PDB file of all heavy atoms in Angstrom:
ATOM      1  N   ARG A   1     -57.411 -64.403 -67.248  1.00  0.00           N
ATOM      2  CA  ARG A   1     -58.306 -63.297 -66.932  1.00  0.00           C
ATOM      3  C   ARG A   1     -59.354 -63.153 -68.015  1.00  0.00           C
ATOM      4  O   ARG A   1     -59.120 -63.525 -69.183  1.00  0.00           O
ATOM      5  CB  ARG A   1     -57.514 -61.995 -66.776  1.00  0.00           C
ATOM      6  CG  ARG A   1     -56.835 -61.514 -68.041  1.00  0.00           C
ATOM      7  CD  ARG A   1     -55.831 -60.393 -67.744  1.00  0.00           C
ATOM      8  NE  ARG A   1     -56.477 -59.223 -67.172  1.00  0.00           N
ATOM      9  CZ  ARG A   1     -55.821 -58.258 -66.526  1.00  0.00           C
ATOM     10  NH1 ARG A   1     -54.492 -58.336 -66.387  1.00  0.00           N
ATOM     11  NH2 ARG A   1     -56.480 -57.218 -66.039  1.00  0.00           N
ATOM     12  N   ASP A   2     -60.500 -62.611 -67.613  1.00  0.00           N
ATOM     13  CA  ASP A   2     -61.574 -62.282 -68.540  1.00  0.00           C
ATOM     14  C   ASP A   2     -61.938 -60.823 -68.285  1.00  0.00           C
ATOM     15  O   ASP A   2     -62.674 -60.528 -67.343  1.00  0.00           O
ATOM     16  CB  ASP A   2     -62.769 -63.216 -68.317  1.00  0.00           C
ATOM     17  CG  ASP A   2     -63.879 -62.994 -69.323  1.00  0.00           C
ATOM     18  OD1 ASP A   2     -63.956 -61.890 -69.915  1.00  0.00           O
ATOM     19  OD2 ASP A   2     -64.687 -63.906 -69.516  1.00  0.00           O
ATOM     20  N   ASN A   3     -61.417 -59.949 -69.105  1.00  0.00           N
ATOM     21  CA  ASN A   3     -61.639 -58.521 -68.875  1.00  0.00           C
ATOM     22  C   ASN A   3     -63.100 -58.119 -69.080  1.00  0.00           C
ATOM     23  O   ASN A   3     -63.583 -57.170 -68.456  1.00  0.00           O
ATOM     24  CB  ASN A   3     -60.731 -57.691 -69.779  1.00  0.00           C
ATOM     25  CG  ASN A   3     -59.274 -57.750 -69.369  1.00  0.00           C
ATOM     26  OD1 ASN A   3     -58.951 -58.115 -68.241  1.00  0.00           O
ATOM     27  ND2 ASN A   3     -58.388 -57.413 -70.289  1.00  0.00           N
ATOM     28  N   ALA A   4     -63.792 -58.826 -69.952  1.00  0.00           N
ATOM     29  CA  ALA A   4     -65.199 -58.509 -70.183  1.00  0.00           C
ATOM     30  C   ALA A   4     -66.039 -58.755 -68.936  1.00  0.00           C
ATOM     31  O   ALA A   4     -67.062 -58.096 -68.721  1.00  0.00           O
ATOM     32  CB  ALA A   4     -65.734 -59.332 -71.349  1.00  0.00           C
ATOM     33  N   LYS A   5     -65.611 -59.721 -68.125  1.00  0.00           N
ATOM     34  CA  LYS A   5     -66.333 -60.055 -66.896  1.00  0.00           C
ATOM     35  C   LYS A   5     -65.652 -59.521 -65.640  1.00  0.00           C
ATOM     36  O   LYS A   5     -66.136 -59.762 -64.533  1.00  0.00           O
ATOM     37  CB  LYS A   5     -66.480 -61.575 -66.775  1.00  0.00           C
ATOM     38  CG  LYS A   5     -67.307 -62.200 -67.886  1.00  0.00           C
ATOM     39  CD  LYS A   5     -67.421 -63.705 -67.688  1.00  0.00           C
ATOM     40  CE  LYS A   5     -68.284 -64.321 -68.777  1.00  0.00           C
ATOM     41  NZ  LYS A   5     -68.404 -65.797 -68.603  1.00  0.00           N
ATOM     42  N   ASN A   6     -64.541 -58.829 -65.793  1.00  0.00           N
ATOM     43  CA  ASN A   6     -63.760 -58.349 -64.638  1.00  0.00           C
ATOM     44  C   ASN A   6     -63.398 -59.491 -63.699  1.00  0.00           C
ATOM     45  O   ASN A   6     -63.572 -59.390 -62.474  1.00  0.00           O
ATOM     46  CB  ASN A   6     -64.529 -57.265 -63.872  1.00  0.00           C
ATOM     47  CG  ASN A   6     -64.408 -55.896 -64.514  1.00  0.00           C
ATOM     48  OD1 ASN A   6     -63.885 -55.770 -65.624  1.00  0.00           O
ATOM     49  ND2 ASN A   6     -64.893 -54.871 -63.845  1.00  0.00           N
ATOM     50  N   MET A   7     -62.894 -60.581 -64.280  1.00  0.00           N
ATOM     51  CA  MET A   7     -62.588 -61.771 -63.496  1.00  0.00           C
ATOM     52  C   MET A   7     -61.149 -62.210 -63.710  1.00  0.00           C
ATOM     53  O   MET A   7     -60.600 -62.153 -64.821  1.00  0.00           O
ATOM     54  CB  MET A   7     -63.502 -62.922 -63.885  1.00  0.00           C
ATOM     55  CG  MET A   7     -64.971 -62.711 -63.552  1.00  0.00           C
ATOM     56  SD  MET A   7     -65.298 -62.688 -61.767  1.00  0.00           S
ATOM     57  CE  MET A   7     -64.907 -64.385 -61.324  1.00  0.00           C
ATOM     58  N   LEU A   8     -60.546 -62.675 -62.624  1.00  0.00           N
ATOM     59  CA  LEU A   8     -59.220 -63.283 -62.625  1.00  0.00           C
ATOM     60  C   LEU A   8     -59.390 -64.721 -62.155  1.00  0.00           C
ATOM     61  O   LEU A   8     -60.194 -64.976 -61.248  1.00  0.00           O
ATOM     62  CB  LEU A   8     -58.285 -62.523 -61.696  1.00  0.00           C
ATOM     63  CG  LEU A   8     -56.854 -63.028 -61.574  1.00  0.00           C
ATOM     64  CD1 LEU A   8     -56.071 -62.711 -62.844  1.00  0.00           C
ATOM     65  CD2 LEU A   8     -56.175 -62.396 -60.363  1.00  0.00           C
ATOM     66  N   TYR A   9     -58.635 -65.645 -62.746  1.00  0.00           N
ATOM     67  CA  TYR A   9     -58.769 -67.066 -62.408  1.00  0.00           C
ATOM     68  C   TYR A   9     -57.404 -67.681 -62.114  1.00  0.00           C
ATOM     69  O   TYR A   9     -56.379 -67.236 -62.624  1.00  0.00           O
ATOM     70  CB  TYR A   9     -59.407 -67.833 -63.566  1.00  0.00           C
ATOM     71  CG  TYR A   9     -60.756 -67.320 -63.977  1.00  0.00           C
ATOM     72  CD1 TYR A   9     -60.907 -66.556 -65.129  1.00  0.00           C
ATOM     73  CD2 TYR A   9     -61.892 -67.599 -63.207  1.00  0.00           C
ATOM     74  CE1 TYR A   9     -62.146 -66.078 -65.511  1.00  0.00           C
ATOM     75  CE2 TYR A   9     -63.139 -67.127 -63.592  1.00  0.00           C
ATOM     76  CZ  TYR A   9     -63.255 -66.368 -64.747  1.00  0.00           C
ATOM     77  OH  TYR A   9     -64.488 -65.902 -65.124  1.00  0.00           O
ATOM     78  N   LEU A  10     -57.442 -68.738 -61.313  1.00  0.00           N
ATOM     79  CA  LEU A  10     -56.268 -69.565 -61.103  1.00  0.00           C
ATOM     80  C   LEU A  10     -56.720 -71.020 -61.179  1.00  0.00           C
ATOM     81  O   LEU A  10     -57.418 -71.501 -60.290  1.00  0.00           O
ATOM     82  CB  LEU A  10     -55.603 -69.279 -59.761  1.00  0.00           C
ATOM     83  CG  LEU A  10     -54.305 -70.042 -59.511  1.00  0.00           C
ATOM     84  CD1 LEU A  10     -53.204 -69.551 -60.459  1.00  0.00           C
ATOM     85  CD2 LEU A  10     -53.852 -69.900 -58.058  1.00  0.00           C
ATOM     86  N   GLN A  11     -56.357 -71.692 -62.257  1.00  0.00           N
ATOM     87  CA  GLN A  11     -56.636 -73.112 -62.407  1.00  0.00           C
ATOM     88  C   GLN A  11     -55.511 -73.896 -61.762  1.00  0.00           C
ATOM     89  O   GLN A  11     -54.344 -73.728 -62.147  1.00  0.00           O
ATOM     90  CB  GLN A  11     -56.766 -73.476 -63.883  1.00  0.00           C
ATOM     91  CG  GLN A  11     -57.029 -74.957 -64.129  1.00  0.00           C
ATOM     92  CD  GLN A  11     -58.372 -75.406 -63.594  1.00  0.00           C
ATOM     93  OE1 GLN A  11     -59.385 -74.738 -63.772  1.00  0.00           O
ATOM     94  NE2 GLN A  11     -58.389 -76.569 -62.949  1.00  0.00           N
ATOM     95  N   MET A  12     -55.855 -74.729 -60.805  1.00  0.00           N
ATOM     96  CA  MET A  12     -54.863 -75.489 -60.056  1.00  0.00           C
ATOM     97  C   MET A  12     -55.099 -76.977 -60.269  1.00  0.00           C
ATOM     98  O   MET A  12     -56.166 -77.487 -59.907  1.00  0.00           O
ATOM     99  CB  MET A  12     -54.943 -75.147 -58.562  1.00  0.00           C
ATOM    100  CG  MET A  12     -54.836 -73.656 -58.283  1.00  0.00           C
ATOM    101  SD  MET A  12     -54.754 -73.272 -56.531  1.00  0.00           S
ATOM    102  CE  MET A  12     -56.366 -73.822 -55.990  1.00  0.00           C
ATOM    103  N   ASN A  13     -54.141 -77.641 -60.864  1.00  0.00           N
ATOM    104  CA  ASN A  13     -54.224 -79.075 -61.128  1.00  0.00           C
ATOM    105  C   ASN A  13     -53.144 -79.824 -60.359  1.00  0.00           C
ATOM    106  O   ASN A  13     -52.149 -79.231 -59.934  1.00  0.00           O
ATOM    107  CB  ASN A  13     -54.062 -79.336 -62.629  1.00  0.00           C
ATOM    108  CG  ASN A  13     -55.151 -78.691 -63.464  1.00  0.00           C
ATOM    109  OD1 ASN A  13     -56.295 -78.555 -63.034  1.00  0.00           O
ATOM    110  ND2 ASN A  13     -54.798 -78.278 -64.673  1.00  0.00           N
ATOM    111  N   ASP A  14     -53.352 -81.123 -60.212  1.00  0.00           N
ATOM    112  CA  ASP A  14     -52.378 -81.971 -59.527  1.00  0.00           C
ATOM    113  C   ASP A  14     -51.968 -81.364 -58.189  1.00  0.00           C
ATOM    114  O   ASP A  14     -50.770 -81.211 -57.891  1.00  0.00           O
ATOM    115  CB  ASP A  14     -51.155 -82.193 -60.417  1.00  0.00           C
ATOM    116  CG  ASP A  14     -50.211 -83.246 -59.868  1.00  0.00           C
ATOM    117  OD1 ASP A  14     -50.663 -84.101 -59.083  1.00  0.00           O
ATOM    118  OD2 ASP A  14     -49.010 -83.207 -60.206  1.00  0.00           O
ATOM    119  N   LEU A  15     -52.952 -81.010 -57.404  1.00  0.00           N
ATOM    120  CA  LEU A  15     -52.680 -80.335 -56.133  1.00  0.00           C
ATOM    121  C   LEU A  15     -51.944 -81.253 -55.171  1.00  0.00           C
ATOM    122  O   LEU A  15     -52.165 -82.476 -55.129  1.00  0.00           O
ATOM    123  CB  LEU A  15     -53.976 -79.840 -55.522  1.00  0.00           C
ATOM    124  CG  LEU A  15     -54.503 -78.553 -56.175  1.00  0.00           C
ATOM    125  CD1 LEU A  15     -55.993 -78.381 -55.921  1.00  0.00           C
ATOM    126  CD2 LEU A  15     -53.730 -77.350 -55.651  1.00  0.00           C
ATOM    127  N   LYS A  16     -51.065 -80.635 -54.385  1.00  0.00           N
ATOM    128  CA  LYS A  16     -50.238 -81.353 -53.409  1.00  0.00           C
ATOM    129  C   LYS A  16     -50.507 -80.787 -52.017  1.00  0.00           C
ATOM    130  O   LYS A  16     -50.930 -79.627 -51.889  1.00  0.00           O
ATOM    131  CB  LYS A  16     -48.763 -81.179 -53.760  1.00  0.00           C
ATOM    132  CG  LYS A  16     -48.409 -81.588 -55.184  1.00  0.00           C
ATOM    133  CD  LYS A  16     -46.958 -81.312 -55.485  1.00  0.00           C
ATOM    134  CE  LYS A  16     -46.607 -81.591 -56.939  1.00  0.00           C
ATOM    135  NZ  LYS A  16     -46.834 -82.993 -57.329  1.00  0.00           N
ATOM    136  N   PRO A  17     -50.240 -81.564 -50.978  1.00  0.00           N
ATOM    137  CA  PRO A  17     -50.450 -81.039 -49.613  1.00  0.00           C
ATOM    138  C   PRO A  17     -49.716 -79.724 -49.362  1.00  0.00           C
ATOM    139  O   PRO A  17     -50.236 -78.863 -48.641  1.00  0.00           O
ATOM    140  CB  PRO A  17     -49.922 -82.173 -48.730  1.00  0.00           C
ATOM    141  CG  PRO A  17     -50.150 -83.406 -49.544  1.00  0.00           C
ATOM    142  CD  PRO A  17     -49.893 -82.998 -50.961  1.00  0.00           C
ATOM    143  N   GLU A  18     -48.564 -79.545 -49.975  1.00  0.00           N
ATOM    144  CA  GLU A  18     -47.809 -78.303 -49.771  1.00  0.00           C
ATOM    145  C   GLU A  18     -48.441 -77.091 -50.461  1.00  0.00           C
ATOM    146  O   GLU A  18     -47.974 -75.964 -50.275  1.00  0.00           O
ATOM    147  CB  GLU A  18     -46.356 -78.463 -50.235  1.00  0.00           C
ATOM    148  CG  GLU A  18     -46.195 -78.985 -51.648  1.00  0.00           C
ATOM    149  CD  GLU A  18     -45.969 -80.495 -51.690  1.00  0.00           C
ATOM    150  OE1 GLU A  18     -46.602 -81.232 -50.899  1.00  0.00           O
ATOM    151  OE2 GLU A  18     -45.149 -80.925 -52.539  1.00  0.00           O
ATOM    152  N   ASP A  19     -49.494 -77.314 -51.236  1.00  0.00           N
ATOM    153  CA  ASP A  19     -50.239 -76.190 -51.822  1.00  0.00           C
ATOM    154  C   ASP A  19     -51.270 -75.631 -50.841  1.00  0.00           C
ATOM    155  O   ASP A  19     -51.918 -74.615 -51.142  1.00  0.00           O
ATOM    156  CB  ASP A  19     -50.953 -76.628 -53.101  1.00  0.00           C
ATOM    157  CG  ASP A  19     -49.994 -77.036 -54.202  1.00  0.00           C
ATOM    158  OD1 ASP A  19     -48.959 -76.346 -54.377  1.00  0.00           O
ATOM    159  OD2 ASP A  19     -50.271 -78.036 -54.893  1.00  0.00           O
ATOM    160  N   THR A  20     -51.439 -76.270 -49.702  1.00  0.00           N
ATOM    161  CA  THR A  20     -52.379 -75.800 -48.698  1.00  0.00           C
ATOM    162  C   THR A  20     -51.984 -74.410 -48.216  1.00  0.00           C
ATOM    163  O   THR A  20     -50.845 -74.189 -47.787  1.00  0.00           O
ATOM    164  CB  THR A  20     -52.430 -76.761 -47.511  1.00  0.00           C
ATOM    165  OG1 THR A  20     -52.953 -78.025 -47.956  1.00  0.00           O
ATOM    166  CG2 THR A  20     -53.300 -76.212 -46.397  1.00  0.00           C
ATOM    167  N   ALA A  21     -52.918 -73.468 -48.323  1.00  0.00           N
ATOM    168  CA  ALA A  21     -52.633 -72.075 -47.970  1.00  0.00           C
ATOM    169  C   ALA A  21     -53.904 -71.260 -48.146  1.00  0.00           C
ATOM    170  O   ALA A  21     -54.894 -71.743 -48.708  1.00  0.00           O
ATOM    171  CB  ALA A  21     -51.534 -71.498 -48.865  1.00  0.00           C
ATOM    172  N   VAL A  22     -53.843 -70.028 -47.682  1.00  0.00           N
ATOM    173  CA  VAL A  22     -54.847 -69.041 -48.055  1.00  0.00           C
ATOM    174  C   VAL A  22     -54.362 -68.359 -49.331  1.00  0.00           C
ATOM    175  O   VAL A  22     -53.216 -67.894 -49.388  1.00  0.00           O
ATOM    176  CB  VAL A  22     -55.083 -68.004 -46.945  1.00  0.00           C
ATOM    177  CG1 VAL A  22     -56.109 -66.973 -47.392  1.00  0.00           C
ATOM    178  CG2 VAL A  22     -55.537 -68.691 -45.663  1.00  0.00           C
ATOM    179  N   TYR A  23     -55.209 -68.326 -50.333  1.00  0.00           N
ATOM    180  CA  TYR A  23     -54.860 -67.744 -51.629  1.00  0.00           C
ATOM    181  C   TYR A  23     -55.507 -66.370 -51.764  1.00  0.00           C
ATOM    182  O   TYR A  23     -56.710 -66.207 -51.501  1.00  0.00           O
ATOM    183  CB  TYR A  23     -55.307 -68.670 -52.751  1.00  0.00           C
ATOM    184  CG  TYR A  23     -54.416 -69.871 -52.905  1.00  0.00           C
ATOM    185  CD1 TYR A  23     -54.422 -70.890 -51.970  1.00  0.00           C
ATOM    186  CD2 TYR A  23     -53.532 -69.970 -53.977  1.00  0.00           C
ATOM    187  CE1 TYR A  23     -53.579 -71.989 -52.094  1.00  0.00           C
ATOM    188  CE2 TYR A  23     -52.687 -71.066 -54.122  1.00  0.00           C
ATOM    189  CZ  TYR A  23     -52.718 -72.066 -53.170  1.00  0.00           C
ATOM    190  OH  TYR A  23     -51.878 -73.153 -53.295  1.00  0.00           O
ATOM    191  N   TYR A  24     -54.686 -65.416 -52.186  1.00  0.00           N
ATOM    192  CA  TYR A  24     -55.127 -64.032 -52.307  1.00  0.00           C
ATOM    193  C   TYR A  24     -54.979 -63.539 -53.734  1.00  0.00           C
ATOM    194  O   TYR A  24     -53.981 -63.808 -54.411  1.00  0.00           O
ATOM    195  CB  TYR A  24     -54.279 -63.120 -51.413  1.00  0.00           C
ATOM    196  CG  TYR A  24     -54.381 -63.412 -49.950  1.00  0.00           C
ATOM    197  CD1 TYR A  24     -53.515 -64.306 -49.339  1.00  0.00           C
ATOM    198  CD2 TYR A  24     -55.331 -62.759 -49.151  1.00  0.00           C
ATOM    199  CE1 TYR A  24     -53.596 -64.573 -47.984  1.00  0.00           C
ATOM    200  CE2 TYR A  24     -55.411 -63.014 -47.794  1.00  0.00           C
ATOM    201  CZ  TYR A  24     -54.548 -63.925 -47.223  1.00  0.00           C
ATOM    202  OH  TYR A  24     -54.628 -64.175 -45.879  1.00  0.00           O
ATOM    203  N   CYS A  25     -55.924 -62.764 -54.143  1.00  0.00           N
ATOM    204  CA  CYS A  25     -55.886 -62.054 -55.401  1.00  0.00           C
ATOM    205  C   CYS A  25     -55.345 -60.651 -55.126  1.00  0.00           C
ATOM    206  O   CYS A  25     -55.670 -60.048 -54.098  1.00  0.00           O
ATOM    207  CB  CYS A  25     -57.325 -62.001 -55.937  1.00  0.00           C
ATOM    208  SG  CYS A  25     -57.629 -60.983 -57.352  1.00  0.00           S
ATOM    209  N   LYS A  26     -54.526 -60.146 -56.020  1.00  0.00           N
ATOM    210  CA  LYS A  26     -53.948 -58.820 -55.813  1.00  0.00           C
ATOM    211  C   LYS A  26     -53.920 -58.014 -57.107  1.00  0.00           C
ATOM    212  O   LYS A  26     -53.518 -58.526 -58.153  1.00  0.00           O
ATOM    213  CB  LYS A  26     -52.523 -58.916 -55.284  1.00  0.00           C
ATOM    214  CG  LYS A  26     -51.905 -57.552 -54.966  1.00  0.00           C
ATOM    215  CD  LYS A  26     -50.447 -57.666 -54.581  1.00  0.00           C
ATOM    216  CE  LYS A  26     -49.864 -56.290 -54.258  1.00  0.00           C
ATOM    217  NZ  LYS A  26     -48.402 -56.337 -54.030  1.00  0.00           N
ATOM    218  N   GLN A  27     -54.363 -56.773 -57.006  1.00  0.00           N
ATOM    219  CA  GLN A  27     -54.100 -55.811 -58.061  1.00  0.00           C
ATOM    220  C   GLN A  27     -52.707 -55.254 -57.813  1.00  0.00           C
ATOM    221  O   GLN A  27     -52.431 -54.705 -56.741  1.00  0.00           O
ATOM    222  CB  GLN A  27     -55.119 -54.678 -58.051  1.00  0.00           C
ATOM    223  CG  GLN A  27     -54.886 -53.638 -59.133  1.00  0.00           C
ATOM    224  CD  GLN A  27     -55.643 -52.343 -58.873  1.00  0.00           C
ATOM    225  OE1 GLN A  27     -55.953 -52.010 -57.727  1.00  0.00           O
ATOM    226  NE2 GLN A  27     -55.969 -51.624 -59.929  1.00  0.00           N
ATOM    227  N   GLU A  28     -51.810 -55.393 -58.818  1.00  0.00           N
ATOM    228  CA  GLU A  28     -50.424 -55.012 -58.609  1.00  0.00           C
ATOM    229  C   GLU A  28     -50.081 -53.662 -59.224  1.00  0.00           C
ATOM    230  O   GLU A  28     -49.131 -53.006 -58.797  1.00  0.00           O
ATOM    231  CB  GLU A  28     -49.511 -56.101 -59.166  1.00  0.00           C
ATOM    232  CG  GLU A  28     -49.709 -57.449 -58.480  1.00  0.00           C
ATOM    233  CD  GLU A  28     -48.606 -58.415 -58.800  1.00  0.00           C
ATOM    234  OE1 GLU A  28     -48.263 -58.573 -59.977  1.00  0.00           O
ATOM    235  OE2 GLU A  28     -48.085 -59.040 -57.847  1.00  0.00           O
ATOM    236  N   TRP A  29     -50.781 -53.271 -60.236  1.00  0.00           N
ATOM    237  CA  TRP A  29     -50.532 -52.004 -60.931  1.00  0.00           C
ATOM    238  C   TRP A  29     -51.775 -51.624 -61.668  1.00  0.00           C
ATOM    239  O   TRP A  29     -52.444 -52.514 -62.224  1.00  0.00           O
ATOM    240  CB  TRP A  29     -49.359 -52.182 -61.937  1.00  0.00           C
ATOM    241  CG  TRP A  29     -49.007 -50.911 -62.655  1.00  0.00           C
ATOM    242  CD1 TRP A  29     -48.104 -49.965 -62.269  1.00  0.00           C
ATOM    243  CD2 TRP A  29     -49.587 -50.454 -63.881  1.00  0.00           C
ATOM    244  NE1 TRP A  29     -48.075 -48.962 -63.188  1.00  0.00           N
ATOM    245  CE2 TRP A  29     -48.977 -49.212 -64.183  1.00  0.00           C
ATOM    246  CE3 TRP A  29     -50.559 -50.938 -64.738  1.00  0.00           C
ATOM    247  CZ2 TRP A  29     -49.299 -48.480 -65.323  1.00  0.00           C
ATOM    248  CZ3 TRP A  29     -50.901 -50.210 -65.873  1.00  0.00           C
ATOM    249  CH2 TRP A  29     -50.272 -48.991 -66.150  1.00  0.00           C
ATOM    250  N   PRO A  30     -52.174 -50.365 -61.712  1.00  0.00           N
ATOM    251  CA  PRO A  30     -51.416 -49.179 -61.297  1.00  0.00           C
ATOM    252  C   PRO A  30     -51.505 -48.845 -59.815  1.00  0.00           C
ATOM    253  O   PRO A  30     -50.740 -48.014 -59.323  1.00  0.00           O
ATOM    254  CB  PRO A  30     -52.045 -48.067 -62.143  1.00  0.00           C
ATOM    255  CG  PRO A  30     -53.446 -48.529 -62.365  1.00  0.00           C
ATOM    256  CD  PRO A  30     -53.376 -50.020 -62.483  1.00  0.00           C
ATOM    257  N   THR A  31     -52.471 -49.483 -59.129  1.00  0.00           N
ATOM    258  CA  THR A  31     -52.522 -49.315 -57.676  1.00  0.00           C
ATOM    259  C   THR A  31     -52.502 -50.698 -57.055  1.00  0.00           C
ATOM    260  O   THR A  31     -52.589 -51.711 -57.752  1.00  0.00           O
ATOM    261  CB  THR A  31     -53.777 -48.542 -57.237  1.00  0.00           C
ATOM    262  OG1 THR A  31     -54.943 -49.231 -57.698  1.00  0.00           O
ATOM    263  CG2 THR A  31     -53.771 -47.134 -57.813  1.00  0.00           C
ATOM    264  N   SER A  32     -52.389 -50.755 -55.756  1.00  0.00           N
ATOM    265  CA  SER A  32     -52.289 -52.023 -55.052  1.00  0.00           C
ATOM    266  C   SER A  32     -53.537 -52.260 -54.226  1.00  0.00           C
ATOM    267  O   SER A  32     -53.976 -51.389 -53.478  1.00  0.00           O
ATOM    268  CB  SER A  32     -51.056 -52.013 -54.143  1.00  0.00           C
ATOM    269  OG  SER A  32     -50.958 -53.241 -53.443  1.00  0.00           O
ATOM    270  N   SER A  33     -54.093 -53.469 -54.389  1.00  0.00           N
ATOM    271  CA  SER A  33     -55.282 -53.830 -53.635  1.00  0.00           C
ATOM    272  C   SER A  33     -55.305 -55.339 -53.450  1.00  0.00           C
ATOM    273  O   SER A  33     -54.953 -56.083 -54.364  1.00  0.00           O
ATOM    274  CB  SER A  33     -56.535 -53.371 -54.398  1.00  0.00           C
ATOM    275  OG  SER A  33     -57.709 -53.730 -53.721  1.00  0.00           O
ATOM    276  N   TRP A  34     -55.734 -55.787 -52.261  1.00  0.00           N
ATOM    277  CA  TRP A  34     -55.799 -57.208 -51.941  1.00  0.00           C
ATOM    278  C   TRP A  34     -57.237 -57.649 -51.732  1.00  0.00           C
ATOM    279  O   TRP A  34     -58.054 -56.881 -51.210  1.00  0.00           O
ATOM    280  CB  TRP A  34     -55.031 -57.509 -50.656  1.00  0.00           C
ATOM    281  CG  TRP A  34     -53.556 -57.393 -50.735  1.00  0.00           C
ATOM    282  CD1 TRP A  34     -52.807 -56.286 -50.437  1.00  0.00           C
ATOM    283  CD2 TRP A  34     -52.622 -58.414 -51.100  1.00  0.00           C
ATOM    284  NE1 TRP A  34     -51.470 -56.557 -50.609  1.00  0.00           N
ATOM    285  CE2 TRP A  34     -51.329 -57.865 -51.008  1.00  0.00           C
ATOM    286  CE3 TRP A  34     -52.752 -59.747 -51.505  1.00  0.00           C
ATOM    287  CZ2 TRP A  34     -50.174 -58.594 -51.302  1.00  0.00           C
ATOM    288  CZ3 TRP A  34     -51.605 -60.475 -51.795  1.00  0.00           C
ATOM    289  CH2 TRP A  34     -50.336 -59.897 -51.704  1.00  0.00           C
ATOM    290  N   GLY A  35     -57.529 -58.893 -52.079  1.00  0.00           N
ATOM    291  CA  GLY A  35     -58.764 -59.516 -51.675  1.00  0.00           C
ATOM    292  C   GLY A  35     -58.637 -60.046 -50.264  1.00  0.00           C
ATOM    293  O   GLY A  35     -57.578 -59.946 -49.624  1.00  0.00           O
TER     294      GLY A  35
END
């Protein structure tokens, strides 16, 4: 995460076919919110 930019990241390496999916970002606390 980069709090100065209000950004969350997920670096994914060595991807496999089983990683195929829709990926969601979520605020988990103090409240809940989905992208």
